[in-house]
Protein backbone atom coordinates (compact mmCIF):
# COMPACT_ATOMS: atom_id res chain seq x y z
CA MET A 1 0.00 0.00 0.00
CA SER A 2 1.17 3.53 -0.70
CA PRO A 3 -0.18 7.09 -0.67
CA SER A 4 -1.34 8.41 -4.04
CA ARG A 5 -0.91 11.91 -5.39
CA GLN A 6 -4.33 12.87 -4.05
CA ASP A 7 -4.36 13.93 -0.41
CA GLY A 8 -5.70 11.24 1.90
CA VAL A 9 -6.00 8.57 -0.81
CA TYR A 10 -4.05 5.34 -0.41
CA THR A 11 -3.58 2.70 -3.09
CA VAL A 12 -3.81 -0.81 -1.69
CA THR A 13 -2.71 -3.71 -3.90
CA GLY A 14 -2.30 -7.42 -3.39
CA MET A 15 -1.47 -10.69 -5.11
CA THR A 16 -3.45 -13.87 -4.52
CA ASN A 17 -3.95 -17.42 -5.74
CA LEU A 18 -7.73 -17.00 -5.56
CA PRO A 19 -9.61 -17.51 -8.85
CA ASP A 20 -10.32 -14.50 -11.02
CA GLU A 21 -13.49 -12.54 -10.18
CA SER A 22 -13.31 -13.61 -6.54
CA PRO A 23 -14.90 -10.72 -4.57
CA ILE A 24 -12.65 -9.12 -1.97
CA ALA A 25 -13.70 -6.39 0.45
CA ILE A 26 -10.98 -3.89 1.34
CA ALA A 27 -11.33 -1.70 4.43
CA ALA A 28 -9.17 0.81 6.29
CA VAL A 29 -9.74 0.85 10.06
CA ARG A 30 -8.33 3.02 12.84
CA TYR A 31 -8.75 1.92 16.45
CA LEU A 32 -9.85 4.55 18.96
CA HIS A 33 -9.47 4.64 22.73
CA PRO A 34 -11.50 6.71 25.19
CA ASP A 35 -9.84 9.54 27.08
CA GLY A 36 -7.10 8.06 29.28
CA ASN A 37 -8.07 10.41 32.11
CA LEU A 38 -11.46 8.73 32.47
CA PRO A 39 -11.85 5.86 34.97
CA ALA A 40 -11.70 2.39 33.46
CA SER A 41 -15.10 0.83 32.81
CA GLU A 42 -16.96 -1.24 30.30
CA ASP A 43 -17.50 1.95 28.29
CA SER A 44 -13.75 2.58 28.07
CA LYS A 45 -13.03 -0.39 25.79
CA PRO A 46 -11.39 0.57 22.50
CA THR A 47 -13.62 0.96 19.48
CA TYR A 48 -12.79 1.57 15.85
CA SER A 49 -13.77 3.65 12.86
CA ILE A 50 -13.99 2.35 9.29
CA LEU A 51 -12.28 5.14 7.37
CA ALA A 52 -12.93 3.75 3.88
CA TYR A 53 -14.33 0.65 2.20
CA GLN A 54 -14.25 -0.74 -1.33
CA ASP A 55 -15.25 -3.98 -3.05
CA VAL A 56 -12.85 -5.29 -5.70
CA GLU A 57 -12.40 -8.45 -7.75
CA VAL A 58 -9.35 -10.58 -8.42
CA ASN A 59 -7.96 -10.08 -11.92
CA SER A 60 -5.05 -12.20 -13.15
CA GLY A 61 -4.06 -12.99 -9.57
CA GLN A 62 -4.07 -9.34 -8.47
CA TRP A 63 -6.43 -6.82 -6.91
CA GLN A 64 -6.26 -3.09 -6.25
CA ALA A 65 -8.29 -0.54 -4.31
CA ASN A 66 -8.02 3.23 -3.89
CA LEU A 67 -9.21 4.23 -0.43
CA ASN A 68 -9.91 7.86 0.49
CA LEU A 69 -9.34 8.11 4.24
CA TRP A 70 -10.23 11.81 4.52
CA GLU A 71 -13.41 13.82 4.39
CA VAL A 72 -13.91 17.57 4.28
CA ALA A 73 -15.39 19.04 7.46
CA PRO A 74 -17.86 21.96 7.27
CA ASP A 75 -15.00 24.40 8.03
CA GLY A 76 -12.90 23.06 5.14
CA LYS A 77 -10.44 21.03 7.24
CA TYR A 78 -9.59 17.51 6.14
CA GLN A 79 -10.63 15.05 8.83
CA GLU A 80 -11.27 11.36 9.25
CA VAL A 81 -14.93 10.45 9.59
CA TRP A 82 -14.67 9.72 13.32
CA GLN A 83 -13.21 13.20 13.95
CA ILE A 84 -16.23 14.86 12.38
CA GLU A 85 -18.62 12.71 14.43
CA GLN A 86 -16.52 13.26 17.56
CA SER A 87 -16.99 17.03 17.38
CA LYS A 88 -20.75 16.60 16.85
CA LEU A 89 -21.17 14.20 19.77
CA GLY A 90 -18.69 15.83 22.13
CA LEU A 91 -16.59 12.67 22.47
CA THR A 92 -12.95 12.53 23.49
CA LEU A 93 -11.06 9.72 21.76
CA ASP A 94 -7.39 8.85 21.48
CA PRO A 95 -6.62 7.37 18.02
CA ASP A 96 -3.99 4.73 17.29
CA LYS A 97 -1.11 5.99 15.20
CA ASP A 98 -1.60 3.03 12.84
CA VAL A 99 -4.31 2.28 10.29
CA LEU A 100 -5.24 -1.35 9.77
CA PHE A 101 -5.88 -2.36 6.15
CA ILE A 102 -8.00 -5.51 5.88
CA ALA A 103 -8.69 -7.65 2.79
CA THR A 104 -11.56 -10.11 3.26
CA LEU A 105 -13.00 -12.85 1.07
CA ALA A 106 -16.56 -12.74 2.38
CA PRO A 107 -18.17 -15.85 3.92
CA THR A 108 -19.32 -18.06 1.09
CA ASP A 109 -20.34 -21.65 0.53
CA SER A 110 -17.86 -21.79 -2.35
CA LEU A 111 -14.85 -21.42 -0.05
CA TRP A 112 -14.62 -25.21 0.22
CA THR A 113 -14.68 -25.43 -3.59
CA ILE A 114 -12.00 -22.75 -3.91
CA GLN A 115 -9.81 -24.58 -1.42
CA GLN A 116 -10.21 -27.81 -3.39
CA GLN A 117 -9.32 -26.04 -6.64
CA LEU A 118 -6.17 -24.60 -5.08
CA GLU A 119 -5.17 -27.92 -3.53
CA ASN A 120 -5.48 -29.55 -6.97
CA GLN A 121 -2.87 -27.02 -8.08
CA GLY A 122 -0.66 -27.89 -5.13
CA ILE A 123 -1.59 -24.70 -3.25
CA LYS A 124 -2.83 -24.71 0.32
CA VAL A 125 -4.64 -21.80 1.94
CA ASP A 126 -2.76 -20.63 5.02
CA LYS A 127 -4.89 -21.78 7.95
CA SER A 128 -4.00 -18.60 9.86
CA LEU A 129 -5.97 -16.64 7.24
CA ILE A 130 -9.16 -18.66 7.65
CA ARG A 131 -11.63 -17.25 10.17
CA ASN A 132 -15.08 -18.24 11.38
CA THR A 133 -18.09 -16.06 12.06
CA LEU A 134 -20.31 -16.57 15.10
CA ASP A 135 -22.68 -18.49 12.82
CA GLY A 136 -19.91 -20.85 11.76
CA ASP A 137 -19.39 -19.40 8.27
CA ARG A 138 -15.78 -19.51 7.07
CA TYR A 139 -13.97 -16.64 5.39
CA VAL A 140 -10.44 -15.64 4.45
CA GLN A 141 -8.89 -12.44 5.79
CA ALA A 142 -5.45 -10.84 5.55
CA SER A 143 -4.35 -7.57 7.11
CA GLN A 144 -1.46 -5.14 7.25
CA VAL A 145 -0.73 -2.19 9.52
CA MET A 146 0.67 1.15 8.37
CA PRO A 147 1.41 4.26 10.45
CA ILE A 148 -0.66 7.11 9.01
CA PRO A 149 -0.84 10.52 10.74
CA LEU A 150 -4.09 12.40 11.14
CA PRO A 151 -4.82 14.99 8.46
CA THR A 152 -3.70 18.57 9.02
CA ALA A 153 -4.40 20.15 5.63
CA SER A 154 -7.50 22.06 4.62
CA THR A 155 -9.36 23.05 1.48
CA ALA A 156 -12.39 25.11 0.46
CA PRO A 157 -15.43 24.40 2.67
CA PRO A 158 -17.94 22.09 0.97
CA PRO A 159 -21.25 23.55 -0.26
CA GLU A 160 -24.17 23.11 2.09
CA ARG A 161 -26.24 20.05 1.21
CA PRO A 162 -29.97 19.63 1.91
CA GLN A 163 -29.21 16.63 4.15
CA ASP A 164 -27.03 18.87 6.33
CA VAL A 165 -29.94 21.24 7.07
CA ASN A 166 -32.75 20.74 9.57
CA GLY A 167 -31.63 17.27 10.70
CA GLY A 168 -31.52 15.97 7.14
CA TRP A 169 -34.95 17.27 6.15
CA GLY A 170 -33.55 20.24 4.27
CA PRO A 171 -35.36 23.61 4.15
CA ARG A 172 -38.79 21.99 4.21
CA TYR A 173 -39.91 24.06 7.18
CA ILE A 174 -39.43 27.36 5.35
CA LEU A 175 -42.69 28.88 4.11
CA LEU A 176 -42.42 30.23 0.60
CA PRO A 177 -43.56 33.86 0.23
CA GLU A 178 -46.87 34.50 -1.48
CA PRO A 179 -46.44 35.66 -5.09
CA PRO A 180 -47.20 39.36 -5.63
CA ASN A 181 -50.74 40.21 -6.75
CA LYS A 182 -50.43 41.80 -10.19
CA ARG A 183 -54.17 42.42 -10.57
CA LYS A 184 -55.32 45.96 -9.86
CA LEU A 185 -58.64 46.13 -8.06
CA GLU A 186 -61.00 49.03 -8.89
CA VAL A 187 -61.97 51.02 -5.80
CA LEU A 188 -65.45 52.53 -6.23
CA ASP A 189 -66.55 55.83 -4.69
CA GLU A 190 -70.08 54.56 -4.17
CA ARG A 191 -71.19 51.20 -2.98
CA ARG A 192 -72.74 49.05 -5.70
CA THR A 193 -75.15 46.25 -4.93
CA ASP A 194 -78.08 44.44 -6.48
CA ALA A 195 -79.86 44.07 -3.14
CA PRO A 196 -83.43 45.44 -2.94
CA LEU A 197 -83.77 49.09 -1.89
CA ALA A 198 -84.46 49.73 1.73
CA PRO A 199 -87.72 51.60 2.55
CA GLY A 200 -85.82 54.73 3.46
CA GLU A 201 -84.30 54.88 0.00
CA PHE A 202 -87.67 55.35 -1.76
CA MET A 203 -88.74 58.91 -2.75
CA HIS A 204 -91.65 60.32 -0.77
């Protein structure tokens, strides 16, 4: 993996013996720890933030993904997604200096078939790469760690989006002004009506 020319974008590549068109999910993850000054509790366990995610396919024994780890905050600063949410929620988190890049062949019934195909070619899947879900599904996962500092650069603030206004509802609460009335109404000096005359209006 290596940084690209675009700020915050990392190119992740890999080689594999998996058959072509095998789907692989690539994710970049940074682990986060609560404020060290807080007392230890169940709530102080480390959590993580998925910075970027991309699905790719194996092609001629290779795969490649371009992951953008940065987003643009409302003030124009580049930040990771957890930093933007942290400021909104008032959280205090201590991030790991490393980012974990994970490549996963999703749980699939065909994993047994793939293993058999590879074994027929004299290739064995490293057992340390095979994992099991809580439901007993098997999948293959490889990972690599890379130290990546937090972003410090900035750019032009992004334009305001409707989903950023009014809790995602946009400006739906704003009442549109009434259009101007272009019709001129004639104001009469005397009242006109087709009602019957009152007795006092008759000549005596």
